[in-house]
Amino acid sequence: MKAKILLFLFILTLYGCGYTSVYKDNSLRQIKFNYEIIQQNGNEEINQNIISSLEKYYDSSIKEKIEINIQSQFYKLGISNDKEGNTTAYQLTIVSEFDFIIKNENKKIVLEESVNVNKSSDAFGQKSFETRIKKDISKLIVNRFINRLYLIK
């Protein structure tokens, strides 16, 4: 009973302070902009994942065009070893740098995401898993880039 009262008071406090969910009106999901990828350097697979994730935000009817340069790097570092010195866990890191021109002003956004994974005895399964993680992290980086771009615009 006491927990229910505390929960009610907590909800009432949030309602009274003007709290709203960030994605309540889906405004960030409705973002569209006109862009052109001028240059891409670094890891080709990551860059292609980023470009394909950006496509859902493209709208050629918007007058202002943003020119984007993408630089992406992928790092796979061993973080844990067994008694024999064999690597048992990795840290996969993607660093993406977006240089772009918006409103005749040069801007730069650098985003980094990491995930720790255990090594699998199945080499093919490990490679497939890493490919899937690269795609997922690329989508996350694009979402963070869009959020930052939305704040700049």
C-alpha atoms as a PDB file:
ATOM      1  CA  MET A   1       0.000   0.000   0.000  1.00  0.00           C
ATOM      2  CA  LYS A   2       2.828   2.343   0.910  1.00  0.00           C
ATOM      3  CA  ALA A   3       4.542   1.595  -2.416  1.00  0.00           C
ATOM      4  CA  LYS A   4       1.368   2.462  -4.334  1.00  0.00           C
ATOM      5  CA  ILE A   5       1.094   5.800  -2.550  1.00  0.00           C
ATOM      6  CA  LEU A   6       4.753   6.603  -3.270  1.00  0.00           C
ATOM      7  CA  LEU A   7       4.282   5.645  -6.927  1.00  0.00           C
ATOM      8  CA  PHE A   8       1.200   7.863  -7.162  1.00  0.00           C
ATOM      9  CA  LEU A   9       3.074  10.794  -5.615  1.00  0.00           C
ATOM     10  CA  PHE A  10       6.011  10.254  -7.956  1.00  0.00           C
ATOM     11  CA  ILE A  11       3.769  10.242 -11.041  1.00  0.00           C
ATOM     12  CA  LEU A  12       1.915  13.286  -9.768  1.00  0.00           C
ATOM     13  CA  THR A  13       5.234  15.101  -9.256  1.00  0.00           C
ATOM     14  CA  LEU A  14       6.381  14.276 -12.788  1.00  0.00           C
ATOM     15  CA  TYR A  15       3.090  15.456 -14.240  1.00  0.00           C
ATOM     16  CA  GLY A  16       3.246  18.684 -12.270  1.00  0.00           C
ATOM     17  CA  CYS A  17       6.813  19.546 -13.294  1.00  0.00           C
ATOM     18  CA  GLY A  18       6.063  19.451 -17.033  1.00  0.00           C
ATOM     19  CA  TYR A  19       7.891  16.207 -17.840  1.00  0.00           C
ATOM     20  CA  THR A  20       7.244  14.856 -21.332  1.00  0.00           C
ATOM     21  CA  SER A  21       8.886  12.017 -23.191  1.00  0.00           C
ATOM     22  CA  VAL A  22      11.538  13.046 -25.709  1.00  0.00           C
ATOM     23  CA  TYR A  23       9.881  10.982 -28.453  1.00  0.00           C
ATOM     24  CA  LYS A  24       6.285  11.756 -27.495  1.00  0.00           C
ATOM     25  CA  ASP A  25       5.489  13.730 -30.626  1.00  0.00           C
ATOM     26  CA  ASN A  26       7.803  11.659 -32.850  1.00  0.00           C
ATOM     27  CA  SER A  27       9.374  14.896 -34.102  1.00  0.00           C
ATOM     28  CA  LEU A  28      12.826  13.321 -34.270  1.00  0.00           C
ATOM     29  CA  ARG A  29      11.462  10.421 -36.291  1.00  0.00           C
ATOM     30  CA  GLN A  30       9.882  12.816 -38.795  1.00  0.00           C
ATOM     31  CA  ILE A  31      13.116  14.657 -39.587  1.00  0.00           C
ATOM     32  CA  LYS A  32      13.875  14.991 -43.258  1.00  0.00           C
ATOM     33  CA  PHE A  33      16.670  16.933 -44.896  1.00  0.00           C
ATOM     34  CA  ASN A  34      18.416  17.286 -48.223  1.00  0.00           C
ATOM     35  CA  TYR A  35      22.013  16.113 -48.127  1.00  0.00           C
ATOM     36  CA  GLU A  36      24.842  15.044 -50.355  1.00  0.00           C
ATOM     37  CA  ILE A  37      27.696  12.773 -49.323  1.00  0.00           C
ATOM     38  CA  ILE A  38      30.724  14.580 -50.709  1.00  0.00           C
ATOM     39  CA  GLN A  39      33.419  12.248 -49.453  1.00  0.00           C
ATOM     40  CA  GLN A  40      33.783   9.089 -47.410  1.00  0.00           C
ATOM     41  CA  ASN A  41      37.035   7.820 -45.938  1.00  0.00           C
ATOM     42  CA  GLY A  42      38.059   5.048 -43.595  1.00  0.00           C
ATOM     43  CA  ASN A  43      36.172   1.795 -43.130  1.00  0.00           C
ATOM     44  CA  GLU A  44      34.089   1.206 -46.263  1.00  0.00           C
ATOM     45  CA  GLU A  45      31.667  -1.245 -44.616  1.00  0.00           C
ATOM     46  CA  ILE A  46      30.841   1.185 -41.792  1.00  0.00           C
ATOM     47  CA  ASN A  47      30.458   4.072 -44.241  1.00  0.00           C
ATOM     48  CA  GLN A  48      28.029   2.075 -46.386  1.00  0.00           C
ATOM     49  CA  ASN A  49      25.996   1.138 -43.294  1.00  0.00           C
ATOM     50  CA  ILE A  50      25.854   4.807 -42.282  1.00  0.00           C
ATOM     51  CA  ILE A  51      24.827   5.949 -45.761  1.00  0.00           C
ATOM     52  CA  SER A  52      22.070   3.341 -46.017  1.00  0.00           C
ATOM     53  CA  SER A  53      20.784   4.336 -42.561  1.00  0.00           C
ATOM     54  CA  LEU A  54      20.783   8.013 -43.566  1.00  0.00           C
ATOM     55  CA  GLU A  55      18.591   7.330 -46.626  1.00  0.00           C
ATOM     56  CA  LYS A  56      15.357   7.320 -44.636  1.00  0.00           C
ATOM     57  CA  TYR A  57      15.995  10.967 -43.687  1.00  0.00           C
ATOM     58  CA  TYR A  58      16.563  12.132 -47.277  1.00  0.00           C
ATOM     59  CA  ASP A  59      14.146  14.565 -48.927  1.00  0.00           C
ATOM     60  CA  SER A  60      15.232  16.201 -52.176  1.00  0.00           C
ATOM     61  CA  SER A  61      12.368  18.716 -52.074  1.00  0.00           C
ATOM     62  CA  ILE A  62      13.997  20.603 -49.188  1.00  0.00           C
ATOM     63  CA  LYS A  63      15.783  23.654 -50.532  1.00  0.00           C
ATOM     64  CA  GLU A  64      18.765  23.776 -48.175  1.00  0.00           C
ATOM     65  CA  LYS A  65      21.310  21.054 -48.984  1.00  0.00           C
ATOM     66  CA  ILE A  66      23.804  19.820 -46.413  1.00  0.00           C
ATOM     67  CA  GLU A  67      27.150  18.591 -47.743  1.00  0.00           C
ATOM     68  CA  ILE A  68      28.550  15.783 -45.607  1.00  0.00           C
ATOM     69  CA  ASN A  69      32.018  14.207 -45.401  1.00  0.00           C
ATOM     70  CA  ILE A  70      32.197  10.930 -43.470  1.00  0.00           C
ATOM     71  CA  GLN A  71      35.319   9.467 -41.866  1.00  0.00           C
ATOM     72  CA  SER A  72      34.828   6.150 -40.037  1.00  0.00           C
ATOM     73  CA  GLN A  73      37.215   3.843 -38.227  1.00  0.00           C
ATOM     74  CA  PHE A  74      36.660   0.378 -36.776  1.00  0.00           C
ATOM     75  CA  TYR A  75      38.791  -0.990 -33.950  1.00  0.00           C
ATOM     76  CA  LYS A  76      38.811  -4.517 -32.518  1.00  0.00           C
ATOM     77  CA  LEU A  77      40.850  -4.715 -29.332  1.00  0.00           C
ATOM     78  CA  GLY A  78      41.417  -7.744 -27.122  1.00  0.00           C
ATOM     79  CA  ILE A  79      40.299  -6.977 -23.574  1.00  0.00           C
ATOM     80  CA  SER A  80      40.513 -10.358 -21.872  1.00  0.00           C
ATOM     81  CA  ASN A  81      42.831 -13.358 -22.151  1.00  0.00           C
ATOM     82  CA  ASP A  82      42.719 -16.889 -20.800  1.00  0.00           C
ATOM     83  CA  LYS A  83      45.610 -18.647 -18.973  1.00  0.00           C
ATOM     84  CA  GLU A  84      47.334 -19.529 -22.248  1.00  0.00           C
ATOM     85  CA  GLY A  85      47.216 -15.918 -23.446  1.00  0.00           C
ATOM     86  CA  ASN A  86      44.453 -16.447 -26.025  1.00  0.00           C
ATOM     87  CA  THR A  87      41.984 -13.604 -26.371  1.00  0.00           C
ATOM     88  CA  THR A  88      38.564 -14.463 -24.931  1.00  0.00           C
ATOM     89  CA  ALA A  89      36.806 -11.099 -25.231  1.00  0.00           C
ATOM     90  CA  TYR A  90      36.999  -8.126 -27.562  1.00  0.00           C
ATOM     91  CA  GLN A  91      35.977  -4.505 -27.515  1.00  0.00           C
ATOM     92  CA  LEU A  92      34.542  -3.397 -30.862  1.00  0.00           C
ATOM     93  CA  THR A  93      34.690   0.364 -31.349  1.00  0.00           C
ATOM     94  CA  ILE A  94      33.460   2.551 -34.186  1.00  0.00           C
ATOM     95  CA  VAL A  95      34.500   6.184 -34.405  1.00  0.00           C
ATOM     96  CA  SER A  96      32.701   8.281 -37.012  1.00  0.00           C
ATOM     97  CA  GLU A  97      33.450  11.872 -37.858  1.00  0.00           C
ATOM     98  CA  PHE A  98      30.911  13.931 -39.774  1.00  0.00           C
ATOM     99  CA  ASP A  99      32.145  17.174 -41.327  1.00  0.00           C
ATOM    100  CA  PHE A 100      29.330  19.137 -42.900  1.00  0.00           C
ATOM    101  CA  ILE A 101      28.311  22.556 -44.080  1.00  0.00           C
ATOM    102  CA  ILE A 102      25.026  23.942 -42.808  1.00  0.00           C
ATOM    103  CA  LYS A 103      23.914  27.563 -43.193  1.00  0.00           C
ATOM    104  CA  ASN A 104      27.311  28.391 -44.778  1.00  0.00           C
ATOM    105  CA  GLU A 105      29.071  27.259 -41.608  1.00  0.00           C
ATOM    106  CA  ASN A 106      31.446  24.308 -41.231  1.00  0.00           C
ATOM    107  CA  LYS A 107      30.505  21.931 -38.429  1.00  0.00           C
ATOM    108  CA  LYS A 108      32.016  18.721 -37.096  1.00  0.00           C
ATOM    109  CA  ILE A 109      30.432  15.968 -35.060  1.00  0.00           C
ATOM    110  CA  VAL A 110      32.535  13.052 -33.783  1.00  0.00           C
ATOM    111  CA  LEU A 111      30.665  10.044 -32.431  1.00  0.00           C
ATOM    112  CA  GLU A 112      32.106   6.932 -30.814  1.00  0.00           C
ATOM    113  CA  GLU A 113      30.353   3.737 -29.794  1.00  0.00           C
ATOM    114  CA  SER A 114      31.847   0.595 -28.232  1.00  0.00           C
ATOM    115  CA  VAL A 115      30.579  -2.834 -27.306  1.00  0.00           C
ATOM    116  CA  ASN A 116      32.294  -5.733 -25.551  1.00  0.00           C
ATOM    117  CA  VAL A 117      31.829  -9.227 -27.005  1.00  0.00           C
ATOM    118  CA  ASN A 118      33.061 -12.650 -26.037  1.00  0.00           C
ATOM    119  CA  LYS A 119      35.049 -14.648 -28.554  1.00  0.00           C
ATOM    120  CA  SER A 120      33.207 -17.565 -30.112  1.00  0.00           C
ATOM    121  CA  SER A 121      34.800 -20.874 -31.074  1.00  0.00           C
ATOM    122  CA  ASP A 122      32.856 -20.727 -34.357  1.00  0.00           C
ATOM    123  CA  ALA A 123      34.815 -18.380 -36.659  1.00  0.00           C
ATOM    124  CA  PHE A 124      31.961 -17.963 -39.162  1.00  0.00           C
ATOM    125  CA  GLY A 125      29.454 -17.252 -36.393  1.00  0.00           C
ATOM    126  CA  GLN A 126      31.857 -14.750 -34.834  1.00  0.00           C
ATOM    127  CA  LYS A 127      32.291 -12.920 -38.151  1.00  0.00           C
ATOM    128  CA  SER A 128      28.507 -12.824 -38.760  1.00  0.00           C
ATOM    129  CA  PHE A 129      27.943 -11.551 -35.231  1.00  0.00           C
ATOM    130  CA  GLU A 130      30.549  -8.794 -35.686  1.00  0.00           C
ATOM    131  CA  THR A 131      28.951  -7.771 -39.002  1.00  0.00           C
ATOM    132  CA  ARG A 132      25.557  -7.499 -37.292  1.00  0.00           C
ATOM    133  CA  ILE A 133      27.071  -5.446 -34.465  1.00  0.00           C
ATOM    134  CA  LYS A 134      28.692  -3.101 -37.010  1.00  0.00           C
ATOM    135  CA  LYS A 135      25.282  -2.526 -38.623  1.00  0.00           C
ATOM    136  CA  ASP A 136      23.592  -1.922 -35.277  1.00  0.00           C
ATOM    137  CA  ILE A 137      26.276   0.476 -34.062  1.00  0.00           C
ATOM    138  CA  SER A 138      26.147   2.305 -37.407  1.00  0.00           C
ATOM    139  CA  LYS A 139      22.391   2.802 -36.974  1.00  0.00           C
ATOM    140  CA  LEU A 140      22.960   4.090 -33.452  1.00  0.00           C
ATOM    141  CA  ILE A 141      25.605   6.520 -34.702  1.00  0.00           C
ATOM    142  CA  VAL A 142      23.248   7.783 -37.411  1.00  0.00           C
ATOM    143  CA  ASN A 143      20.476   8.308 -34.832  1.00  0.00           C
ATOM    144  CA  ARG A 144      22.853  10.282 -32.624  1.00  0.00           C
ATOM    145  CA  PHE A 145      24.040  12.287 -35.648  1.00  0.00           C
ATOM    146  CA  ILE A 146      20.448  13.110 -36.628  1.00  0.00           C
ATOM    147  CA  ASN A 147      19.660  14.192 -33.053  1.00  0.00           C
ATOM    148  CA  ARG A 148      22.682  16.505 -33.005  1.00  0.00           C
ATOM    149  CA  LEU A 149      21.853  17.831 -36.473  1.00  0.00           C
ATOM    150  CA  TYR A 150      18.294  18.510 -35.340  1.00  0.00           C
ATOM    151  CA  LEU A 151      19.627  20.575 -32.430  1.00  0.00           C
ATOM    152  CA  ILE A 152      21.937  22.557 -34.734  1.00  0.00           C
ATOM    153  CA  LYS A 153      19.201  23.334 -37.281  1.00  0.00           C
END
